[in-house]
Amino acid sequence: MILGILGGIGSGKSTVTRMFADLGAKTLDADTIAHELIEREDTKSTLRQWWGDEILSEDGTVDRTKIAERVFSDAEELVRLEKLLHPEVRARIEEKISEFKDNNGKFLVLDVPLLASSTLRDFCDEILFVNSTEALRETRVKVRGWSPDELKRREANQAPEDNKKILANSVINNSGSLDETRQQVEDLYESLLAIDFTERE
């Protein structure tokens, strides 16, 4: 089965994904794929043509903080970056999904930030919403160096939380302790493994 994960920024989607991985699930992280693509020489060359060498760190890698400052303050630049990266990110995800199915995979988790508005959602048997309070989400992104305004600015580029909740088949509350979240993940993992999703096809 394929489980798609939704949630607000800082809700703990990556934490929940890692917990599923600890239980034996395969995972696909769109951000990880995008970060790999950004470091590819042809992509770096394009980014330097657009924005100059200042988007590179001293070690020659792409400074993702500087990229974020540009694209999340300019909608046109964000669209341009998405057009550069998203087609190949999607192609790689579809390739990995095909491999998973060909190998009769048991459980795959898709962590895709824009899943709510993506047709990649069609590959999912179930959708999970990771819920967390706004205060906790602000605390978590503060560790990344973000202000509450930065959180709101980035969330403006995603579907509203209420829209994501409507799409979900299940919800995990990640506002408590890690142990509480882990127990919910374990319970959901076991219950989903017991379902024969081929009967829905």
N, C-alpha and C. Protein backbone atom coordinates (compact mmCIF):
# COMPACT_ATOMS: atom_id res chain seq x y z
N MET A 1 0.83 -1.19 0.00
CA MET A 1 0.00 0.00 0.00
C MET A 1 0.87 1.25 0.00
N ILE A 2 0.30 2.32 -0.52
CA ILE A 2 1.02 3.59 -0.59
C ILE A 2 0.27 4.62 0.25
N LEU A 3 1.00 5.20 1.19
CA LEU A 3 0.43 6.18 2.11
C LEU A 3 1.02 7.55 1.82
N GLY A 4 0.14 8.52 1.53
CA GLY A 4 0.58 9.90 1.34
C GLY A 4 0.43 10.67 2.63
N ILE A 5 1.38 11.55 2.91
CA ILE A 5 1.36 12.31 4.16
C ILE A 5 1.13 13.79 3.87
N LEU A 6 0.15 14.35 4.57
CA LEU A 6 -0.16 15.78 4.51
C LEU A 6 0.00 16.38 5.89
N GLY A 7 0.13 17.70 5.93
CA GLY A 7 0.23 18.40 7.21
C GLY A 7 0.81 19.78 6.99
N GLY A 8 0.62 20.66 7.96
CA GLY A 8 1.19 22.00 7.86
C GLY A 8 2.70 21.95 8.02
N ILE A 9 3.36 23.03 7.62
CA ILE A 9 4.81 23.12 7.80
C ILE A 9 5.12 23.09 9.29
N GLY A 10 6.06 22.23 9.67
CA GLY A 10 6.42 22.12 11.08
C GLY A 10 5.52 21.20 11.88
N SER A 11 4.61 20.52 11.19
CA SER A 11 3.70 19.62 11.91
C SER A 11 4.38 18.32 12.33
N GLY A 12 5.49 17.99 11.66
CA GLY A 12 6.21 16.76 12.01
C GLY A 12 6.04 15.65 10.99
N LYS A 13 5.78 16.00 9.73
CA LYS A 13 5.61 14.98 8.69
C LYS A 13 6.86 14.12 8.54
N SER A 14 8.02 14.77 8.57
CA SER A 14 9.28 14.03 8.42
C SER A 14 9.51 13.10 9.60
N THR A 15 9.15 13.56 10.79
CA THR A 15 9.29 12.72 11.98
C THR A 15 8.41 11.48 11.87
N VAL A 16 7.17 11.68 11.46
CA VAL A 16 6.24 10.56 11.30
C VAL A 16 6.73 9.62 10.20
N THR A 17 7.24 10.18 9.11
CA THR A 17 7.78 9.36 8.02
C THR A 17 8.92 8.48 8.52
N ARG A 18 9.81 9.05 9.32
CA ARG A 18 10.93 8.25 9.87
C ARG A 18 10.42 7.14 10.78
N MET A 19 9.34 7.41 11.51
CA MET A 19 8.78 6.38 12.38
C MET A 19 8.23 5.22 11.57
N PHE A 20 7.59 5.53 10.45
CA PHE A 20 7.12 4.46 9.56
C PHE A 20 8.31 3.68 9.00
N ALA A 21 9.39 4.39 8.66
CA ALA A 21 10.58 3.73 8.15
C ALA A 21 11.17 2.78 9.20
N ASP A 22 11.14 3.20 10.46
CA ASP A 22 11.65 2.35 11.54
C ASP A 22 10.86 1.05 11.65
N LEU A 23 9.60 1.09 11.23
CA LEU A 23 8.74 -0.09 11.29
C LEU A 23 8.92 -0.99 10.06
N GLY A 24 9.67 -0.51 9.08
CA GLY A 24 9.93 -1.32 7.89
C GLY A 24 9.37 -0.76 6.60
N ALA A 25 8.71 0.39 6.66
CA ALA A 25 8.15 0.98 5.45
C ALA A 25 9.24 1.59 4.58
N LYS A 26 9.03 1.56 3.27
CA LYS A 26 9.86 2.30 2.35
C LYS A 26 9.35 3.75 2.33
N THR A 27 10.24 4.70 2.09
CA THR A 27 9.83 6.09 2.08
C THR A 27 10.37 6.81 0.85
N LEU A 28 9.61 7.80 0.40
CA LEU A 28 10.03 8.67 -0.69
C LEU A 28 9.84 10.11 -0.23
N ASP A 29 10.92 10.88 -0.19
CA ASP A 29 10.89 12.26 0.28
C ASP A 29 11.18 13.18 -0.90
N ALA A 30 10.18 13.94 -1.32
CA ALA A 30 10.34 14.82 -2.49
C ALA A 30 11.39 15.89 -2.24
N ASP A 31 11.48 16.40 -1.01
CA ASP A 31 12.47 17.43 -0.71
C ASP A 31 13.89 16.89 -0.89
N THR A 32 14.11 15.65 -0.46
CA THR A 32 15.44 15.05 -0.60
C THR A 32 15.82 14.94 -2.08
N ILE A 33 14.85 14.51 -2.89
CA ILE A 33 15.10 14.40 -4.33
C ILE A 33 15.40 15.78 -4.92
N ALA A 34 14.62 16.79 -4.52
CA ALA A 34 14.84 18.16 -5.03
C ALA A 34 16.21 18.68 -4.63
N HIS A 35 16.64 18.39 -3.39
CA HIS A 35 17.95 18.84 -2.93
C HIS A 35 19.07 18.19 -3.74
N GLU A 36 18.88 16.93 -4.09
CA GLU A 36 19.88 16.24 -4.93
C GLU A 36 19.95 16.88 -6.32
N LEU A 37 18.79 17.23 -6.87
CA LEU A 37 18.75 17.84 -8.19
C LEU A 37 19.39 19.23 -8.19
N ILE A 38 19.19 19.98 -7.11
CA ILE A 38 19.74 21.33 -7.03
C ILE A 38 21.27 21.31 -7.08
N GLU A 39 21.86 20.24 -6.54
CA GLU A 39 23.32 20.15 -6.51
C GLU A 39 23.91 19.60 -7.81
N ARG A 40 23.06 19.18 -8.71
CA ARG A 40 23.57 18.69 -10.00
C ARG A 40 24.15 19.86 -10.80
N GLU A 41 25.25 19.62 -11.52
CA GLU A 41 25.97 20.72 -12.15
C GLU A 41 25.11 21.50 -13.14
N ASP A 42 24.27 20.82 -13.92
CA ASP A 42 23.46 21.54 -14.89
C ASP A 42 22.43 22.43 -14.20
N THR A 43 21.89 21.95 -13.07
CA THR A 43 20.93 22.76 -12.32
C THR A 43 21.62 23.96 -11.69
N LYS A 44 22.79 23.73 -11.08
CA LYS A 44 23.54 24.83 -10.47
C LYS A 44 23.89 25.89 -11.51
N SER A 45 24.24 25.44 -12.71
CA SER A 45 24.58 26.38 -13.77
C SER A 45 23.39 27.27 -14.11
N THR A 46 22.20 26.67 -14.18
CA THR A 46 20.99 27.44 -14.48
C THR A 46 20.70 28.44 -13.36
N LEU A 47 20.81 28.00 -12.11
CA LEU A 47 20.54 28.88 -10.98
C LEU A 47 21.52 30.05 -10.93
N ARG A 48 22.78 29.78 -11.28
CA ARG A 48 23.78 30.86 -11.30
C ARG A 48 23.49 31.85 -12.42
N GLN A 49 22.98 31.35 -13.56
CA GLN A 49 22.60 32.26 -14.65
C GLN A 49 21.47 33.17 -14.20
N TRP A 50 20.54 32.60 -13.43
CA TRP A 50 19.40 33.40 -12.97
C TRP A 50 19.79 34.41 -11.90
N TRP A 51 20.53 33.93 -10.90
CA TRP A 51 20.69 34.71 -9.67
C TRP A 51 22.13 35.02 -9.28
N GLY A 52 23.09 34.57 -10.07
CA GLY A 52 24.48 34.90 -9.79
C GLY A 52 25.14 33.94 -8.81
N ASP A 53 26.45 34.13 -8.64
CA ASP A 53 27.23 33.24 -7.78
C ASP A 53 26.91 33.39 -6.31
N GLU A 54 26.18 34.44 -5.94
CA GLU A 54 25.88 34.63 -4.51
C GLU A 54 24.95 33.56 -3.96
N ILE A 55 24.35 32.76 -4.84
CA ILE A 55 23.48 31.68 -4.33
C ILE A 55 24.29 30.44 -3.96
N LEU A 56 25.62 30.51 -4.13
CA LEU A 56 26.48 29.39 -3.75
C LEU A 56 27.13 29.64 -2.40
N SER A 57 27.31 28.58 -1.63
CA SER A 57 28.05 28.67 -0.38
C SER A 57 29.55 28.66 -0.69
N GLU A 58 30.37 28.87 0.35
CA GLU A 58 31.82 28.91 0.15
C GLU A 58 32.36 27.58 -0.38
N ASP A 59 31.69 26.48 -0.04
CA ASP A 59 32.17 25.17 -0.49
C ASP A 59 31.66 24.79 -1.88
N GLY A 60 30.93 25.73 -2.52
CA GLY A 60 30.45 25.48 -3.88
C GLY A 60 29.08 24.86 -3.98
N THR A 61 28.50 24.47 -2.85
CA THR A 61 27.14 23.92 -2.86
C THR A 61 26.13 25.06 -2.90
N VAL A 62 24.92 24.73 -3.29
CA VAL A 62 23.86 25.73 -3.37
C VAL A 62 23.40 26.10 -1.95
N ASP A 63 23.34 27.39 -1.69
CA ASP A 63 22.86 27.88 -0.39
C ASP A 63 21.33 27.92 -0.46
N ARG A 64 20.69 26.89 0.09
CA ARG A 64 19.23 26.78 -0.03
C ARG A 64 18.50 27.89 0.73
N THR A 65 19.14 28.44 1.76
CA THR A 65 18.53 29.55 2.49
C THR A 65 18.40 30.77 1.58
N LYS A 66 19.45 31.03 0.80
CA LYS A 66 19.40 32.18 -0.12
C LYS A 66 18.39 31.94 -1.23
N ILE A 67 18.30 30.71 -1.69
CA ILE A 67 17.29 30.38 -2.70
C ILE A 67 15.89 30.63 -2.13
N ALA A 68 15.67 30.15 -0.91
CA ALA A 68 14.35 30.31 -0.27
C ALA A 68 14.00 31.78 -0.10
N GLU A 69 14.98 32.59 0.28
CA GLU A 69 14.74 34.03 0.45
C GLU A 69 14.25 34.66 -0.85
N ARG A 70 14.79 34.18 -1.96
CA ARG A 70 14.39 34.73 -3.26
C ARG A 70 12.98 34.26 -3.65
N VAL A 71 12.78 32.95 -3.62
CA VAL A 71 11.54 32.42 -4.20
C VAL A 71 10.32 32.64 -3.32
N PHE A 72 10.50 32.70 -1.99
CA PHE A 72 9.33 32.88 -1.14
C PHE A 72 8.98 34.35 -0.93
N SER A 73 9.75 35.23 -1.57
CA SER A 73 9.39 36.64 -1.55
C SER A 73 9.01 37.13 -2.95
N ASP A 74 9.03 36.22 -3.91
CA ASP A 74 8.72 36.57 -5.29
C ASP A 74 8.03 35.37 -5.94
N ALA A 75 6.72 35.49 -6.14
CA ALA A 75 5.93 34.37 -6.66
C ALA A 75 6.40 33.93 -8.04
N GLU A 76 6.84 34.87 -8.88
CA GLU A 76 7.29 34.52 -10.23
C GLU A 76 8.57 33.68 -10.17
N GLU A 77 9.46 34.02 -9.25
CA GLU A 77 10.70 33.25 -9.11
C GLU A 77 10.41 31.85 -8.57
N LEU A 78 9.42 31.75 -7.69
CA LEU A 78 9.04 30.44 -7.17
C LEU A 78 8.51 29.55 -8.29
N VAL A 79 7.67 30.11 -9.14
CA VAL A 79 7.12 29.36 -10.27
C VAL A 79 8.25 28.92 -11.20
N ARG A 80 9.21 29.80 -11.43
CA ARG A 80 10.32 29.47 -12.31
C ARG A 80 11.15 28.31 -11.74
N LEU A 81 11.40 28.34 -10.42
CA LEU A 81 12.16 27.26 -9.80
C LEU A 81 11.37 25.95 -9.84
N GLU A 82 10.07 26.03 -9.60
CA GLU A 82 9.24 24.83 -9.63
C GLU A 82 9.21 24.21 -11.02
N LYS A 83 9.16 25.05 -12.04
CA LYS A 83 9.16 24.53 -13.42
C LYS A 83 10.47 23.83 -13.74
N LEU A 84 11.55 24.29 -13.11
CA LEU A 84 12.86 23.67 -13.33
C LEU A 84 12.96 22.32 -12.64
N LEU A 85 12.47 22.24 -11.40
CA LEU A 85 12.69 21.06 -10.57
C LEU A 85 11.55 20.04 -10.59
N HIS A 86 10.32 20.52 -10.55
CA HIS A 86 9.19 19.63 -10.31
C HIS A 86 9.01 18.51 -11.33
N PRO A 87 9.19 18.77 -12.64
CA PRO A 87 9.00 17.66 -13.59
C PRO A 87 9.92 16.48 -13.31
N GLU A 88 11.19 16.75 -13.00
CA GLU A 88 12.11 15.64 -12.75
C GLU A 88 11.86 15.02 -11.38
N VAL A 89 11.50 15.83 -10.39
CA VAL A 89 11.16 15.26 -9.08
C VAL A 89 10.00 14.28 -9.25
N ARG A 90 8.99 14.72 -9.99
CA ARG A 90 7.83 13.85 -10.22
C ARG A 90 8.24 12.58 -10.97
N ALA A 91 9.08 12.74 -12.00
CA ALA A 91 9.50 11.58 -12.80
C ALA A 91 10.23 10.57 -11.92
N ARG A 92 11.07 11.06 -11.03
CA ARG A 92 11.81 10.15 -10.14
C ARG A 92 10.87 9.45 -9.16
N ILE A 93 9.90 10.20 -8.65
CA ILE A 93 8.93 9.59 -7.72
C ILE A 93 8.13 8.51 -8.43
N GLU A 94 7.67 8.80 -9.64
CA GLU A 94 6.90 7.80 -10.39
C GLU A 94 7.75 6.57 -10.68
N GLU A 95 9.02 6.78 -10.98
CA GLU A 95 9.93 5.66 -11.23
C GLU A 95 10.07 4.79 -9.99
N LYS A 96 10.23 5.43 -8.84
CA LYS A 96 10.37 4.69 -7.58
C LYS A 96 9.08 3.96 -7.21
N ILE A 97 7.93 4.57 -7.50
CA ILE A 97 6.65 3.91 -7.24
C ILE A 97 6.51 2.67 -8.12
N SER A 98 6.92 2.79 -9.38
CA SER A 98 6.86 1.63 -10.29
C SER A 98 7.75 0.50 -9.79
N GLU A 99 8.96 0.85 -9.32
CA GLU A 99 9.87 -0.16 -8.77
C GLU A 99 9.25 -0.84 -7.55
N PHE A 100 8.62 -0.03 -6.70
CA PHE A 100 7.97 -0.55 -5.49
C PHE A 100 6.90 -1.56 -5.86
N LYS A 101 6.08 -1.22 -6.84
CA LYS A 101 5.00 -2.12 -7.26
C LYS A 101 5.54 -3.36 -7.95
N ASP A 102 6.55 -3.17 -8.81
CA ASP A 102 7.13 -4.32 -9.53
C ASP A 102 7.75 -5.32 -8.57
N ASN A 103 8.27 -4.81 -7.45
CA ASN A 103 8.90 -5.69 -6.46
C ASN A 103 7.92 -6.15 -5.38
N ASN A 104 6.63 -5.92 -5.64
CA ASN A 104 5.58 -6.31 -4.67
C ASN A 104 5.84 -5.74 -3.29
N GLY A 105 6.17 -4.45 -3.27
CA GLY A 105 6.43 -3.77 -2.00
C GLY A 105 5.23 -3.81 -1.08
N LYS A 106 5.52 -3.78 0.21
CA LYS A 106 4.46 -3.91 1.20
C LYS A 106 3.88 -2.56 1.63
N PHE A 107 4.77 -1.57 1.89
CA PHE A 107 4.30 -0.31 2.47
C PHE A 107 5.24 0.80 2.03
N LEU A 108 4.69 1.82 1.36
CA LEU A 108 5.48 2.95 0.89
C LEU A 108 4.84 4.25 1.38
N VAL A 109 5.67 5.13 1.93
CA VAL A 109 5.20 6.43 2.42
C VAL A 109 5.71 7.52 1.50
N LEU A 110 4.79 8.36 1.01
CA LEU A 110 5.14 9.50 0.17
C LEU A 110 5.10 10.78 0.99
N ASP A 111 6.26 11.41 1.17
CA ASP A 111 6.34 12.70 1.85
C ASP A 111 6.60 13.75 0.78
N VAL A 112 5.50 14.33 0.30
CA VAL A 112 5.55 15.31 -0.80
C VAL A 112 4.89 16.59 -0.31
N PRO A 113 5.64 17.68 -0.12
CA PRO A 113 5.08 18.91 0.45
C PRO A 113 3.81 19.42 -0.22
N LEU A 114 3.73 19.33 -1.55
CA LEU A 114 2.56 19.86 -2.27
C LEU A 114 1.61 18.75 -2.72
N LEU A 115 1.58 17.67 -1.95
CA LEU A 115 0.77 16.51 -2.33
C LEU A 115 -0.71 16.85 -2.47
N ALA A 116 -1.19 17.77 -1.64
CA ALA A 116 -2.62 18.11 -1.65
C ALA A 116 -3.07 18.63 -3.01
N SER A 117 -2.18 19.30 -3.72
CA SER A 117 -2.54 19.88 -5.02
C SER A 117 -1.87 19.16 -6.19
N SER A 118 -1.30 17.98 -5.90
CA SER A 118 -0.58 17.22 -6.94
C SER A 118 -1.36 15.98 -7.34
N THR A 119 -1.24 15.63 -8.62
CA THR A 119 -1.87 14.39 -9.09
C THR A 119 -1.11 13.15 -8.59
N LEU A 120 0.04 13.34 -7.94
CA LEU A 120 0.72 12.22 -7.29
C LEU A 120 -0.18 11.59 -6.23
N ARG A 121 -1.12 12.36 -5.76
CA ARG A 121 -2.07 11.85 -4.75
C ARG A 121 -2.86 10.66 -5.29
N ASP A 122 -3.00 10.60 -6.62
CA ASP A 122 -3.76 9.51 -7.23
C ASP A 122 -3.08 8.16 -7.02
N PHE A 123 -1.78 8.16 -6.74
CA PHE A 123 -1.06 6.91 -6.51
C PHE A 123 -1.31 6.36 -5.10
N CYS A 124 -1.85 7.20 -4.23
CA CYS A 124 -1.98 6.83 -2.81
C CYS A 124 -3.25 6.02 -2.54
N ASP A 125 -3.07 4.96 -1.75
CA ASP A 125 -4.22 4.19 -1.29
C ASP A 125 -4.90 4.87 -0.11
N GLU A 126 -4.10 5.55 0.71
CA GLU A 126 -4.60 6.25 1.89
C GLU A 126 -3.85 7.57 2.03
N ILE A 127 -4.51 8.53 2.67
CA ILE A 127 -3.88 9.82 2.97
C ILE A 127 -3.91 10.04 4.48
N LEU A 128 -2.76 10.41 5.03
CA LEU A 128 -2.64 10.68 6.47
C LEU A 128 -2.38 12.17 6.67
N PHE A 129 -3.09 12.77 7.61
CA PHE A 129 -2.83 14.16 7.98
C PHE A 129 -2.15 14.18 9.33
N VAL A 130 -0.98 14.83 9.40
CA VAL A 130 -0.25 14.98 10.66
C VAL A 130 -0.64 16.32 11.25
N ASN A 131 -1.28 16.27 12.40
CA ASN A 131 -1.83 17.47 13.03
C ASN A 131 -0.93 17.95 14.17
N SER A 132 -0.80 19.25 14.30
CA SER A 132 -0.04 19.83 15.40
C SER A 132 -0.53 21.25 15.61
N THR A 133 -0.41 21.76 16.83
CA THR A 133 -0.89 23.11 17.11
C THR A 133 -0.01 24.14 16.41
N GLU A 134 -0.59 25.30 16.15
CA GLU A 134 0.17 26.36 15.49
C GLU A 134 1.35 26.80 16.35
N ALA A 135 1.15 26.85 17.67
CA ALA A 135 2.23 27.26 18.56
C ALA A 135 3.42 26.31 18.48
N LEU A 136 3.11 25.02 18.44
CA LEU A 136 4.19 24.03 18.35
C LEU A 136 4.90 24.11 16.99
N ARG A 137 4.13 24.33 15.95
CA ARG A 137 4.72 24.43 14.61
C ARG A 137 5.66 25.64 14.54
N GLU A 138 5.24 26.75 15.16
CA GLU A 138 6.09 27.94 15.18
C GLU A 138 7.37 27.67 15.96
N THR A 139 7.25 26.92 17.06
CA THR A 139 8.44 26.58 17.85
C THR A 139 9.39 25.72 17.05
N ARG A 140 8.85 24.75 16.32
CA ARG A 140 9.70 23.84 15.54
C ARG A 140 10.42 24.56 14.41
N VAL A 141 9.73 25.45 13.70
CA VAL A 141 10.39 26.12 12.58
C VAL A 141 11.35 27.21 13.07
N LYS A 142 11.18 27.62 14.32
CA LYS A 142 12.11 28.60 14.89
C LYS A 142 13.51 28.00 14.96
N VAL A 143 13.58 26.68 15.16
CA VAL A 143 14.87 25.98 15.18
C VAL A 143 15.55 26.09 13.81
N ARG A 144 14.75 26.21 12.76
CA ARG A 144 15.30 26.37 11.41
C ARG A 144 15.73 27.81 11.13
N GLY A 145 15.47 28.68 12.10
CA GLY A 145 15.79 30.09 11.92
C GLY A 145 14.67 30.89 11.32
N TRP A 146 13.46 30.33 11.30
CA TRP A 146 12.31 31.01 10.72
C TRP A 146 11.56 31.80 11.79
N SER A 147 10.97 32.91 11.38
CA SER A 147 10.06 33.67 12.23
C SER A 147 8.64 33.20 11.94
N PRO A 148 7.67 33.52 12.82
CA PRO A 148 6.26 33.18 12.53
C PRO A 148 5.80 33.75 11.18
N ASP A 149 6.32 34.94 10.83
CA ASP A 149 5.96 35.54 9.54
C ASP A 149 6.47 34.71 8.38
N GLU A 150 7.69 34.15 8.55
CA GLU A 150 8.25 33.31 7.49
C GLU A 150 7.42 32.05 7.31
N LEU A 151 6.95 31.49 8.43
CA LEU A 151 6.07 30.30 8.36
C LEU A 151 4.81 30.63 7.58
N LYS A 152 4.19 31.74 7.90
CA LYS A 152 2.95 32.13 7.22
C LYS A 152 3.21 32.41 5.73
N ARG A 153 4.35 33.01 5.44
CA ARG A 153 4.69 33.34 4.05
C ARG A 153 4.83 32.07 3.22
N ARG A 154 5.48 31.06 3.80
CA ARG A 154 5.67 29.82 3.06
C ARG A 154 4.38 29.02 2.96
N GLU A 155 3.58 29.05 4.01
CA GLU A 155 2.32 28.31 3.98
C GLU A 155 1.35 28.91 2.97
N ALA A 156 1.53 30.18 2.65
CA ALA A 156 0.66 30.82 1.66
C ALA A 156 0.81 30.18 0.28
N ASN A 157 1.93 29.46 0.08
CA ASN A 157 2.17 28.79 -1.20
C ASN A 157 1.66 27.35 -1.21
N GLN A 158 1.01 26.94 -0.12
CA GLN A 158 0.46 25.59 -0.03
C GLN A 158 -1.05 25.64 0.18
N ALA A 159 -1.69 24.50 0.01
CA ALA A 159 -3.12 24.42 0.28
C ALA A 159 -3.37 24.66 1.77
N PRO A 160 -4.49 25.31 2.12
CA PRO A 160 -4.81 25.54 3.53
C PRO A 160 -4.92 24.23 4.30
N GLU A 161 -4.62 24.28 5.60
CA GLU A 161 -4.66 23.07 6.41
C GLU A 161 -6.02 22.39 6.38
N ASP A 162 -7.10 23.17 6.42
CA ASP A 162 -8.44 22.58 6.40
C ASP A 162 -8.66 21.76 5.13
N ASN A 163 -8.14 22.25 4.00
CA ASN A 163 -8.27 21.52 2.75
C ASN A 163 -7.52 20.20 2.80
N LYS A 164 -6.37 20.21 3.46
CA LYS A 164 -5.58 18.98 3.58
C LYS A 164 -6.30 17.97 4.47
N LYS A 165 -6.89 18.45 5.55
CA LYS A 165 -7.60 17.55 6.48
C LYS A 165 -8.75 16.84 5.78
N ILE A 166 -9.44 17.57 4.92
CA ILE A 166 -10.59 17.00 4.21
C ILE A 166 -10.16 15.81 3.34
N LEU A 167 -8.95 15.89 2.80
CA LEU A 167 -8.45 14.83 1.91
C LEU A 167 -8.00 13.59 2.67
N ALA A 168 -7.80 13.71 3.97
CA ALA A 168 -7.17 12.62 4.74
C ALA A 168 -8.17 11.54 5.15
N ASN A 169 -7.67 10.29 5.14
CA ASN A 169 -8.43 9.16 5.66
C ASN A 169 -8.20 8.97 7.15
N SER A 170 -7.04 9.44 7.62
CA SER A 170 -6.70 9.29 9.04
C SER A 170 -5.86 10.47 9.49
N VAL A 171 -5.82 10.66 10.82
CA VAL A 171 -5.09 11.78 11.41
C VAL A 171 -4.22 11.27 12.55
N ILE A 172 -3.00 11.79 12.60
CA ILE A 172 -2.11 11.53 13.74
C ILE A 172 -1.86 12.86 14.44
N ASN A 173 -2.07 12.88 15.74
CA ASN A 173 -1.85 14.09 16.52
C ASN A 173 -0.41 14.12 17.00
N ASN A 174 0.37 15.05 16.47
CA ASN A 174 1.77 15.17 16.82
C ASN A 174 2.02 16.38 17.73
N SER A 175 1.07 16.61 18.64
CA SER A 175 1.21 17.72 19.57
C SER A 175 1.69 17.26 20.95
N GLY A 176 1.80 15.94 21.12
CA GLY A 176 2.23 15.41 22.41
C GLY A 176 3.68 14.96 22.37
N SER A 177 3.99 13.93 23.14
CA SER A 177 5.36 13.41 23.18
C SER A 177 5.65 12.55 21.96
N LEU A 178 6.92 12.30 21.72
CA LEU A 178 7.31 11.42 20.62
C LEU A 178 6.79 10.01 20.82
N ASP A 179 6.77 9.57 22.07
CA ASP A 179 6.25 8.23 22.36
C ASP A 179 4.77 8.13 22.00
N GLU A 180 4.01 9.20 22.28
CA GLU A 180 2.59 9.20 21.94
C GLU A 180 2.39 9.16 20.42
N THR A 181 3.22 9.94 19.73
CA THR A 181 3.13 9.93 18.26
C THR A 181 3.52 8.56 17.71
N ARG A 182 4.58 7.99 18.26
CA ARG A 182 5.06 6.68 17.78
C ARG A 182 4.00 5.61 17.97
N GLN A 183 3.28 5.66 19.07
CA GLN A 183 2.22 4.67 19.30
C GLN A 183 1.12 4.79 18.25
N GLN A 184 0.77 6.03 17.91
CA GLN A 184 -0.25 6.24 16.87
C GLN A 184 0.24 5.71 15.52
N VAL A 185 1.53 5.94 15.22
CA VAL A 185 2.10 5.47 13.97
C VAL A 185 2.06 3.94 13.93
N GLU A 186 2.46 3.31 15.01
CA GLU A 186 2.46 1.84 15.06
C GLU A 186 1.06 1.28 14.89
N ASP A 187 0.09 1.91 15.54
CA ASP A 187 -1.30 1.44 15.43
C ASP A 187 -1.80 1.57 13.99
N LEU A 188 -1.50 2.71 13.36
CA LEU A 188 -1.96 2.93 11.99
C LEU A 188 -1.26 1.98 11.03
N TYR A 189 0.02 1.78 11.22
CA TYR A 189 0.80 0.88 10.37
C TYR A 189 0.20 -0.53 10.39
N GLU A 190 -0.08 -1.02 11.58
CA GLU A 190 -0.65 -2.36 11.71
C GLU A 190 -2.03 -2.45 11.08
N SER A 191 -2.84 -1.43 11.28
CA SER A 191 -4.21 -1.46 10.75
C SER A 191 -4.21 -1.38 9.22
N LEU A 192 -3.30 -0.59 8.64
CA LEU A 192 -3.25 -0.47 7.18
C LEU A 192 -2.69 -1.73 6.54
N LEU A 193 -1.74 -2.37 7.20
CA LEU A 193 -1.20 -3.62 6.66
C LEU A 193 -2.26 -4.72 6.61
N ALA A 194 -3.27 -4.60 7.47
CA ALA A 194 -4.31 -5.62 7.52
C ALA A 194 -5.36 -5.45 6.42
N ILE A 195 -5.30 -4.34 5.69
CA ILE A 195 -6.27 -4.06 4.64
C ILE A 195 -5.75 -4.56 3.29
N ASP A 196 -6.60 -5.21 2.53
CA ASP A 196 -6.24 -5.65 1.19
C ASP A 196 -6.67 -4.57 0.21
N PHE A 197 -5.75 -3.69 -0.15
CA PHE A 197 -6.09 -2.56 -1.01
C PHE A 197 -6.32 -2.98 -2.45
N THR A 198 -5.92 -4.19 -2.82
CA THR A 198 -6.18 -4.65 -4.19
C THR A 198 -7.67 -4.81 -4.43
N GLU A 199 -8.46 -4.99 -3.35
CA GLU A 199 -9.90 -5.14 -3.51
C GLU A 199 -10.55 -3.84 -3.94
N ARG A 200 -9.85 -2.71 -3.73
CA ARG A 200 -10.41 -1.41 -4.09
C ARG A 200 -10.16 -1.09 -5.57
N GLU A 201 -9.24 -1.81 -6.20
CA GLU A 201 -8.88 -1.49 -7.58
C GLU A 201 -9.93 -1.95 -8.57
